[in-house]
Amino acid sequence: MTRGGGKNRRRGKNFSSLLHKREIIFRDDQQLYGHVEKLLGDKRVLCKCSDQLERVCHIRGKFHRRVWINPGDIVLLSKREFEHEKADIIHKYTPEEGRFLVENGEFDIQTINNTSSDHYETISIHSDDSVEDDASLLSDSDDENFVIENI
């Protein structure tokens, strides 16, 4: 038997903390907003920062196994003075807080994702054209007769 109540009791504590609104932390000097692009493992993530650079960011030990960071999250980063291509994640914003930052002009997600979204649009256009071309080739009756005769 567990004395503290086990997993379900811990879930209740976490759920009740989500109901309370917290104060939004804005960036200071030497801090940036970032959009998590990819999880790299070993408490590292790849973030697209508000200064248009991609940085390898380290998740602080305070967040390890307490705050889950996923691709698409908006985070607050602290730049390193000695390594400009690296940063540390010091805060994770909830989706509501992220929307508030975007609406107030603190963080512009469209400029960060502009290059990647254009890339995906061009890929989807080309893939749709190739599918339509393949379908038109299969619909010709001459091609069907040719395949049947060769069998």
N, C-alpha and C. Protein backbone atom coordinates (compact mmCIF):
# COMPACT_ATOMS: atom_id res chain seq x y z
N MET A 1 0.84 -1.19 0.00
CA MET A 1 0.00 0.00 0.00
C MET A 1 0.88 1.25 0.00
N THR A 2 0.40 2.24 -0.68
CA THR A 2 1.14 3.50 -0.71
C THR A 2 0.58 4.44 0.36
N ARG A 3 1.46 5.18 0.97
CA ARG A 3 1.02 6.08 2.03
C ARG A 3 0.54 7.42 1.48
N GLY A 4 1.13 7.85 0.38
CA GLY A 4 0.80 9.16 -0.17
C GLY A 4 -0.40 9.16 -1.09
N GLY A 5 -0.83 8.01 -1.55
CA GLY A 5 -1.99 7.96 -2.43
C GLY A 5 -1.68 7.47 -3.83
N GLY A 6 -0.43 7.54 -4.25
CA GLY A 6 -0.05 6.99 -5.54
C GLY A 6 -0.27 7.94 -6.71
N LYS A 7 -0.36 7.34 -7.89
CA LYS A 7 -0.40 8.10 -9.13
C LYS A 7 -1.64 8.97 -9.26
N ASN A 8 -2.78 8.47 -8.85
CA ASN A 8 -4.01 9.22 -9.02
C ASN A 8 -4.02 10.48 -8.16
N ARG A 9 -3.42 10.45 -7.01
CA ARG A 9 -3.34 11.64 -6.17
C ARG A 9 -2.45 12.70 -6.81
N ARG A 10 -1.34 12.27 -7.40
CA ARG A 10 -0.46 13.21 -8.09
C ARG A 10 -1.18 13.84 -9.28
N ARG A 11 -1.96 13.07 -9.99
CA ARG A 11 -2.72 13.61 -11.12
C ARG A 11 -3.69 14.69 -10.65
N GLY A 12 -4.32 14.48 -9.51
CA GLY A 12 -5.24 15.47 -8.98
C GLY A 12 -4.54 16.78 -8.64
N LYS A 13 -3.33 16.71 -8.11
CA LYS A 13 -2.58 17.92 -7.80
C LYS A 13 -2.25 18.68 -9.07
N ASN A 14 -1.81 17.98 -10.10
CA ASN A 14 -1.46 18.64 -11.34
C ASN A 14 -2.69 19.26 -11.99
N PHE A 15 -3.81 18.58 -11.94
CA PHE A 15 -5.02 19.09 -12.57
C PHE A 15 -5.51 20.35 -11.88
N SER A 16 -5.46 20.39 -10.55
CA SER A 16 -5.94 21.57 -9.84
C SER A 16 -5.05 22.78 -10.10
N SER A 17 -3.76 22.55 -10.37
CA SER A 17 -2.88 23.68 -10.64
C SER A 17 -3.14 24.28 -12.01
N LEU A 18 -3.77 23.53 -12.93
CA LEU A 18 -4.08 24.06 -14.25
C LEU A 18 -5.25 25.03 -14.23
N LEU A 19 -6.08 24.97 -13.21
CA LEU A 19 -7.25 25.83 -13.15
C LEU A 19 -6.90 27.27 -12.79
N HIS A 20 -5.77 27.48 -12.15
CA HIS A 20 -5.37 28.82 -11.72
C HIS A 20 -4.60 29.50 -12.83
N LYS A 21 -4.93 30.78 -13.06
CA LYS A 21 -4.16 31.55 -14.04
C LYS A 21 -2.89 32.05 -13.38
N ARG A 22 -1.84 32.09 -14.17
CA ARG A 22 -0.58 32.57 -13.65
C ARG A 22 -0.15 33.82 -14.42
N GLU A 23 0.74 34.55 -13.84
CA GLU A 23 1.21 35.79 -14.46
C GLU A 23 2.12 35.46 -15.64
N ILE A 24 1.93 36.17 -16.74
CA ILE A 24 2.72 35.92 -17.95
C ILE A 24 4.09 36.55 -17.79
N ILE A 25 5.11 35.77 -18.08
CA ILE A 25 6.49 36.24 -17.99
C ILE A 25 6.91 36.74 -19.36
N PHE A 26 7.29 38.01 -19.45
CA PHE A 26 7.77 38.60 -20.70
C PHE A 26 9.28 38.51 -20.74
N ARG A 27 9.84 38.64 -21.94
CA ARG A 27 11.29 38.49 -22.08
C ARG A 27 12.02 39.74 -21.62
N ASP A 28 13.26 39.53 -21.17
CA ASP A 28 14.16 40.60 -20.75
C ASP A 28 15.32 40.64 -21.74
N ASP A 29 16.35 41.40 -21.38
CA ASP A 29 17.59 41.37 -22.17
C ASP A 29 18.20 39.98 -22.06
N GLN A 30 18.85 39.57 -23.12
CA GLN A 30 19.48 38.25 -23.21
C GLN A 30 18.48 37.10 -23.18
N GLN A 31 17.20 37.38 -23.45
CA GLN A 31 16.19 36.33 -23.53
C GLN A 31 15.46 36.44 -24.86
N LEU A 32 14.98 35.31 -25.36
CA LEU A 32 14.27 35.24 -26.62
C LEU A 32 13.04 34.36 -26.47
N TYR A 33 12.08 34.55 -27.36
CA TYR A 33 10.98 33.61 -27.48
C TYR A 33 11.38 32.57 -28.52
N GLY A 34 10.92 31.36 -28.33
CA GLY A 34 11.26 30.30 -29.27
C GLY A 34 10.09 29.38 -29.54
N HIS A 35 10.14 28.74 -30.69
CA HIS A 35 9.13 27.76 -31.12
C HIS A 35 9.85 26.43 -31.25
N VAL A 36 9.43 25.42 -30.50
CA VAL A 36 10.11 24.12 -30.50
C VAL A 36 9.83 23.42 -31.82
N GLU A 37 10.88 23.09 -32.54
CA GLU A 37 10.77 22.42 -33.83
C GLU A 37 10.91 20.90 -33.70
N LYS A 38 11.89 20.46 -32.92
CA LYS A 38 12.22 19.03 -32.90
C LYS A 38 12.85 18.66 -31.56
N LEU A 39 12.54 17.47 -31.08
CA LEU A 39 13.17 16.93 -29.88
C LEU A 39 14.41 16.16 -30.29
N LEU A 40 15.53 16.47 -29.65
CA LEU A 40 16.80 15.83 -30.03
C LEU A 40 17.23 14.74 -29.06
N GLY A 41 16.65 14.70 -27.88
CA GLY A 41 17.06 13.73 -26.87
C GLY A 41 18.11 14.32 -25.95
N ASP A 42 18.35 13.67 -24.82
CA ASP A 42 19.33 14.11 -23.83
C ASP A 42 19.01 15.53 -23.34
N LYS A 43 17.73 15.82 -23.11
CA LYS A 43 17.23 17.11 -22.63
C LYS A 43 17.61 18.25 -23.56
N ARG A 44 17.63 17.98 -24.87
CA ARG A 44 17.93 19.01 -25.85
C ARG A 44 16.80 19.07 -26.88
N VAL A 45 16.51 20.27 -27.37
CA VAL A 45 15.51 20.47 -28.40
C VAL A 45 16.06 21.47 -29.42
N LEU A 46 15.51 21.42 -30.63
CA LEU A 46 15.85 22.38 -31.66
C LEU A 46 14.74 23.41 -31.71
N CYS A 47 15.09 24.69 -31.49
CA CYS A 47 14.11 25.77 -31.44
C CYS A 47 14.40 26.80 -32.52
N LYS A 48 13.34 27.32 -33.11
CA LYS A 48 13.44 28.46 -34.01
C LYS A 48 13.18 29.69 -33.16
N CYS A 49 14.17 30.56 -33.04
CA CYS A 49 14.10 31.69 -32.12
C CYS A 49 13.48 32.91 -32.78
N SER A 50 13.11 33.90 -31.97
CA SER A 50 12.48 35.11 -32.48
C SER A 50 13.44 35.98 -33.27
N ASP A 51 14.75 35.71 -33.24
CA ASP A 51 15.71 36.44 -34.07
C ASP A 51 16.03 35.67 -35.35
N GLN A 52 15.15 34.73 -35.75
CA GLN A 52 15.21 33.97 -36.99
C GLN A 52 16.36 32.96 -37.05
N LEU A 53 16.98 32.61 -35.93
CA LEU A 53 18.03 31.60 -35.91
C LEU A 53 17.52 30.34 -35.27
N GLU A 54 18.05 29.20 -35.71
CA GLU A 54 17.74 27.93 -35.06
C GLU A 54 18.84 27.66 -34.04
N ARG A 55 18.42 27.32 -32.85
CA ARG A 55 19.38 27.04 -31.79
C ARG A 55 19.08 25.69 -31.15
N VAL A 56 20.12 25.04 -30.68
CA VAL A 56 19.96 23.84 -29.87
C VAL A 56 19.79 24.33 -28.44
N CYS A 57 18.66 23.97 -27.84
CA CYS A 57 18.32 24.47 -26.51
C CYS A 57 18.33 23.33 -25.50
N HIS A 58 18.75 23.64 -24.31
CA HIS A 58 18.83 22.67 -23.23
C HIS A 58 17.68 22.88 -22.27
N ILE A 59 16.99 21.79 -21.91
CA ILE A 59 15.90 21.87 -20.94
C ILE A 59 16.51 21.84 -19.54
N ARG A 60 16.18 22.82 -18.75
CA ARG A 60 16.73 22.92 -17.41
C ARG A 60 16.36 21.70 -16.57
N GLY A 61 17.17 21.41 -15.59
CA GLY A 61 16.90 20.29 -14.69
C GLY A 61 15.64 20.49 -13.87
N LYS A 62 15.26 21.73 -13.65
CA LYS A 62 14.04 22.05 -12.91
C LYS A 62 12.81 21.55 -13.67
N PHE A 63 12.88 21.54 -15.01
CA PHE A 63 11.75 21.11 -15.83
C PHE A 63 11.77 19.61 -16.11
N HIS A 64 12.88 18.96 -15.91
CA HIS A 64 13.01 17.56 -16.28
C HIS A 64 11.99 16.70 -15.53
N ARG A 65 11.16 15.99 -16.26
CA ARG A 65 10.10 15.10 -15.77
C ARG A 65 8.98 15.84 -15.03
N ARG A 66 8.96 17.17 -15.08
CA ARG A 66 7.88 17.94 -14.48
C ARG A 66 7.09 18.69 -15.53
N VAL A 67 7.81 19.29 -16.47
CA VAL A 67 7.19 20.05 -17.56
C VAL A 67 7.55 19.35 -18.85
N TRP A 68 6.55 18.88 -19.58
CA TRP A 68 6.79 18.17 -20.83
C TRP A 68 6.79 19.15 -21.98
N ILE A 69 7.88 19.17 -22.71
CA ILE A 69 8.03 20.07 -23.85
C ILE A 69 7.89 19.25 -25.12
N ASN A 70 7.00 19.70 -26.00
CA ASN A 70 6.71 18.99 -27.24
C ASN A 70 6.93 19.91 -28.43
N PRO A 71 7.09 19.34 -29.63
CA PRO A 71 7.19 20.19 -30.82
C PRO A 71 5.94 21.05 -30.98
N GLY A 72 6.15 22.32 -31.31
CA GLY A 72 5.05 23.26 -31.45
C GLY A 72 4.83 24.14 -30.25
N ASP A 73 5.50 23.88 -29.15
CA ASP A 73 5.34 24.69 -27.95
C ASP A 73 6.10 26.02 -28.09
N ILE A 74 5.60 27.03 -27.42
CA ILE A 74 6.27 28.32 -27.35
C ILE A 74 6.97 28.40 -26.00
N VAL A 75 8.27 28.72 -26.04
CA VAL A 75 9.07 28.72 -24.82
C VAL A 75 9.86 30.03 -24.71
N LEU A 76 10.33 30.31 -23.52
CA LEU A 76 11.20 31.46 -23.27
C LEU A 76 12.62 30.93 -23.13
N LEU A 77 13.54 31.52 -23.88
CA LEU A 77 14.92 31.04 -23.92
C LEU A 77 15.85 32.07 -23.31
N SER A 78 16.89 31.59 -22.69
CA SER A 78 17.96 32.44 -22.20
C SER A 78 19.19 32.17 -23.05
N LYS A 79 19.68 33.23 -23.74
CA LYS A 79 20.86 33.07 -24.59
C LYS A 79 22.09 32.86 -23.72
N ARG A 80 23.01 32.07 -24.24
CA ARG A 80 24.28 31.88 -23.55
C ARG A 80 25.27 32.94 -24.03
N GLU A 81 26.05 33.47 -23.11
CA GLU A 81 27.02 34.50 -23.46
C GLU A 81 28.21 33.93 -24.22
N PHE A 82 28.57 32.70 -23.94
CA PHE A 82 29.78 32.12 -24.52
C PHE A 82 29.50 31.23 -25.72
N GLU A 83 28.27 30.78 -25.92
CA GLU A 83 27.89 29.96 -27.07
C GLU A 83 26.65 30.57 -27.70
N HIS A 84 26.82 31.23 -28.83
CA HIS A 84 25.71 31.95 -29.45
C HIS A 84 24.73 31.02 -30.16
N GLU A 85 25.15 29.81 -30.49
CA GLU A 85 24.26 28.87 -31.18
C GLU A 85 23.48 27.99 -30.21
N LYS A 86 23.63 28.23 -28.92
CA LYS A 86 22.91 27.45 -27.91
C LYS A 86 22.16 28.37 -26.96
N ALA A 87 21.11 27.81 -26.34
CA ALA A 87 20.31 28.56 -25.37
C ALA A 87 19.74 27.58 -24.36
N ASP A 88 19.16 28.12 -23.30
CA ASP A 88 18.53 27.31 -22.26
C ASP A 88 17.06 27.67 -22.17
N ILE A 89 16.21 26.65 -22.04
CA ILE A 89 14.78 26.88 -21.88
C ILE A 89 14.51 27.18 -20.42
N ILE A 90 13.93 28.35 -20.17
CA ILE A 90 13.68 28.74 -18.78
C ILE A 90 12.20 28.83 -18.45
N HIS A 91 11.32 28.77 -19.48
CA HIS A 91 9.88 28.82 -19.21
C HIS A 91 9.12 28.26 -20.40
N LYS A 92 8.05 27.53 -20.12
CA LYS A 92 7.16 27.03 -21.18
C LYS A 92 5.82 27.73 -21.02
N TYR A 93 5.32 28.27 -22.14
CA TYR A 93 4.04 28.96 -22.13
C TYR A 93 2.92 27.98 -22.45
N THR A 94 1.78 28.17 -21.79
CA THR A 94 0.59 27.40 -22.13
C THR A 94 0.05 27.90 -23.47
N PRO A 95 -0.82 27.15 -24.13
CA PRO A 95 -1.38 27.63 -25.40
C PRO A 95 -2.11 28.96 -25.27
N GLU A 96 -2.80 29.19 -24.16
CA GLU A 96 -3.49 30.46 -23.95
C GLU A 96 -2.49 31.61 -23.82
N GLU A 97 -1.40 31.38 -23.09
CA GLU A 97 -0.38 32.41 -22.94
C GLU A 97 0.31 32.68 -24.27
N GLY A 98 0.53 31.63 -25.06
CA GLY A 98 1.13 31.80 -26.37
C GLY A 98 0.26 32.65 -27.28
N ARG A 99 -1.07 32.40 -27.26
CA ARG A 99 -1.99 33.22 -28.06
C ARG A 99 -1.95 34.67 -27.61
N PHE A 100 -1.85 34.89 -26.31
CA PHE A 100 -1.77 36.25 -25.78
C PHE A 100 -0.51 36.95 -26.27
N LEU A 101 0.63 36.26 -26.28
CA LEU A 101 1.87 36.84 -26.76
C LEU A 101 1.78 37.20 -28.24
N VAL A 102 1.16 36.33 -29.04
CA VAL A 102 1.02 36.58 -30.47
C VAL A 102 0.08 37.76 -30.71
N GLU A 103 -1.04 37.82 -29.98
CA GLU A 103 -2.01 38.90 -30.17
C GLU A 103 -1.44 40.25 -29.78
N ASN A 104 -0.57 40.30 -28.78
CA ASN A 104 0.00 41.57 -28.32
C ASN A 104 1.28 41.95 -29.05
N GLY A 105 1.69 41.16 -30.02
CA GLY A 105 2.85 41.51 -30.82
C GLY A 105 4.19 41.21 -30.17
N GLU A 106 4.21 40.49 -29.09
CA GLU A 106 5.48 40.11 -28.45
C GLU A 106 6.21 39.05 -29.26
N PHE A 107 5.45 38.17 -29.88
CA PHE A 107 6.03 37.01 -30.56
C PHE A 107 5.25 36.80 -31.85
N ASP A 108 5.96 36.72 -32.97
CA ASP A 108 5.31 36.55 -34.27
C ASP A 108 5.64 35.16 -34.80
N ILE A 109 4.70 34.25 -34.70
CA ILE A 109 4.92 32.87 -35.10
C ILE A 109 4.95 32.71 -36.61
N GLN A 110 4.28 33.59 -37.35
CA GLN A 110 4.22 33.45 -38.80
C GLN A 110 5.57 33.73 -39.46
N THR A 111 6.32 34.68 -38.95
CA THR A 111 7.63 34.94 -39.55
C THR A 111 8.60 33.82 -39.25
N ILE A 112 8.43 33.16 -38.13
CA ILE A 112 9.31 32.05 -37.80
C ILE A 112 9.01 30.85 -38.68
N ASN A 113 7.74 30.54 -38.90
CA ASN A 113 7.36 29.36 -39.66
C ASN A 113 7.15 29.66 -41.14
N ASN A 114 7.46 30.85 -41.61
CA ASN A 114 7.20 31.23 -42.98
C ASN A 114 7.95 30.35 -43.97
N THR A 115 9.23 30.09 -43.74
CA THR A 115 10.01 29.33 -44.69
C THR A 115 9.58 27.87 -44.71
N SER A 116 9.29 27.30 -43.55
CA SER A 116 8.92 25.89 -43.53
C SER A 116 7.54 25.67 -44.13
N SER A 117 6.58 26.59 -43.94
CA SER A 117 5.24 26.40 -44.49
C SER A 117 5.28 26.50 -46.01
N ASP A 118 6.11 27.42 -46.59
CA ASP A 118 6.23 27.50 -48.04
C ASP A 118 6.77 26.20 -48.60
N HIS A 119 7.71 25.61 -47.89
CA HIS A 119 8.30 24.35 -48.35
C HIS A 119 7.25 23.25 -48.40
N TYR A 120 6.40 23.16 -47.38
CA TYR A 120 5.39 22.13 -47.36
C TYR A 120 4.33 22.36 -48.43
N GLU A 121 4.00 23.62 -48.72
CA GLU A 121 3.01 23.90 -49.74
C GLU A 121 3.51 23.46 -51.11
N THR A 122 4.78 23.70 -51.42
CA THR A 122 5.30 23.32 -52.72
C THR A 122 5.36 21.80 -52.85
N ILE A 123 5.67 21.13 -51.78
CA ILE A 123 5.70 19.66 -51.83
C ILE A 123 4.30 19.12 -52.07
N SER A 124 3.30 19.66 -51.37
CA SER A 124 1.95 19.13 -51.53
C SER A 124 1.40 19.41 -52.93
N ILE A 125 1.75 20.54 -53.53
CA ILE A 125 1.29 20.83 -54.89
C ILE A 125 1.88 19.83 -55.86
N HIS A 126 3.17 19.55 -55.74
CA HIS A 126 3.80 18.62 -56.66
C HIS A 126 3.29 17.20 -56.45
N SER A 127 3.04 16.82 -55.21
CA SER A 127 2.56 15.46 -54.97
C SER A 127 1.15 15.29 -55.50
N ASP A 128 0.29 16.33 -55.42
CA ASP A 128 -1.07 16.23 -55.96
C ASP A 128 -1.04 16.11 -57.48
N ASP A 129 -0.14 16.84 -58.16
CA ASP A 129 -0.04 16.76 -59.61
C ASP A 129 0.37 15.37 -60.05
N SER A 130 1.32 14.77 -59.33
CA SER A 130 1.79 13.46 -59.73
C SER A 130 0.70 12.41 -59.52
N VAL A 131 -0.12 12.56 -58.49
CA VAL A 131 -1.20 11.61 -58.26
C VAL A 131 -2.24 11.72 -59.37
N GLU A 132 -2.57 12.95 -59.77
CA GLU A 132 -3.55 13.13 -60.84
C GLU A 132 -3.02 12.57 -62.15
N ASP A 133 -1.72 12.77 -62.44
CA ASP A 133 -1.14 12.24 -63.67
C ASP A 133 -1.18 10.72 -63.67
N ASP A 134 -0.88 10.10 -62.53
CA ASP A 134 -0.93 8.64 -62.45
C ASP A 134 -2.35 8.14 -62.65
N ALA A 135 -3.33 8.83 -62.12
CA ALA A 135 -4.72 8.41 -62.27
C ALA A 135 -5.16 8.54 -63.72
N SER A 136 -4.72 9.58 -64.41
CA SER A 136 -5.11 9.74 -65.80
C SER A 136 -4.46 8.68 -66.67
N LEU A 137 -3.27 8.23 -66.32
CA LEU A 137 -2.63 7.18 -67.10
C LEU A 137 -3.35 5.85 -66.94
N LEU A 138 -3.81 5.58 -65.73
CA LEU A 138 -4.48 4.32 -65.49
C LEU A 138 -5.88 4.28 -66.09
N SER A 139 -6.49 5.45 -66.29
CA SER A 139 -7.85 5.46 -66.80
C SER A 139 -7.92 5.23 -68.31
N ASP A 140 -6.79 5.33 -69.01
CA ASP A 140 -6.82 5.08 -70.46
C ASP A 140 -7.09 3.61 -70.73
N SER A 141 -7.96 3.34 -71.68
CA SER A 141 -8.33 1.96 -71.99
C SER A 141 -7.21 1.24 -72.72
N ASP A 142 -6.36 1.97 -73.48
CA ASP A 142 -5.26 1.34 -74.19
C ASP A 142 -4.26 0.74 -73.22
N ASP A 143 -4.00 1.44 -72.10
CA ASP A 143 -3.06 0.93 -71.11
C ASP A 143 -3.60 -0.33 -70.45
N GLU A 144 -4.90 -0.38 -70.19
CA GLU A 144 -5.49 -1.57 -69.57
C GLU A 144 -5.39 -2.77 -70.51
N ASN A 145 -5.66 -2.55 -71.79
CA ASN A 145 -5.56 -3.65 -72.76
C ASN A 145 -4.13 -4.13 -72.88
N PHE A 146 -3.20 -3.23 -72.83
CA PHE A 146 -1.78 -3.60 -72.95
C PHE A 146 -1.36 -4.47 -71.78
N VAL A 147 -1.81 -4.12 -70.58
CA VAL A 147 -1.45 -4.89 -69.39
C VAL A 147 -2.10 -6.26 -69.45
N ILE A 148 -3.33 -6.35 -69.90
CA ILE A 148 -4.03 -7.63 -69.97
C ILE A 148 -3.38 -8.53 -71.02
N GLU A 149 -2.98 -7.99 -72.14
CA GLU A 149 -2.37 -8.81 -73.18
C GLU A 149 -1.02 -9.37 -72.75
N ASN A 150 -0.27 -8.63 -71.96
CA ASN A 150 1.05 -9.08 -71.53
C ASN A 150 0.98 -10.15 -70.44
N ILE A 151 -0.13 -10.29 -69.80
CA ILE A 151 -0.25 -11.28 -68.73
C ILE A 151 -0.43 -12.62 -69.38
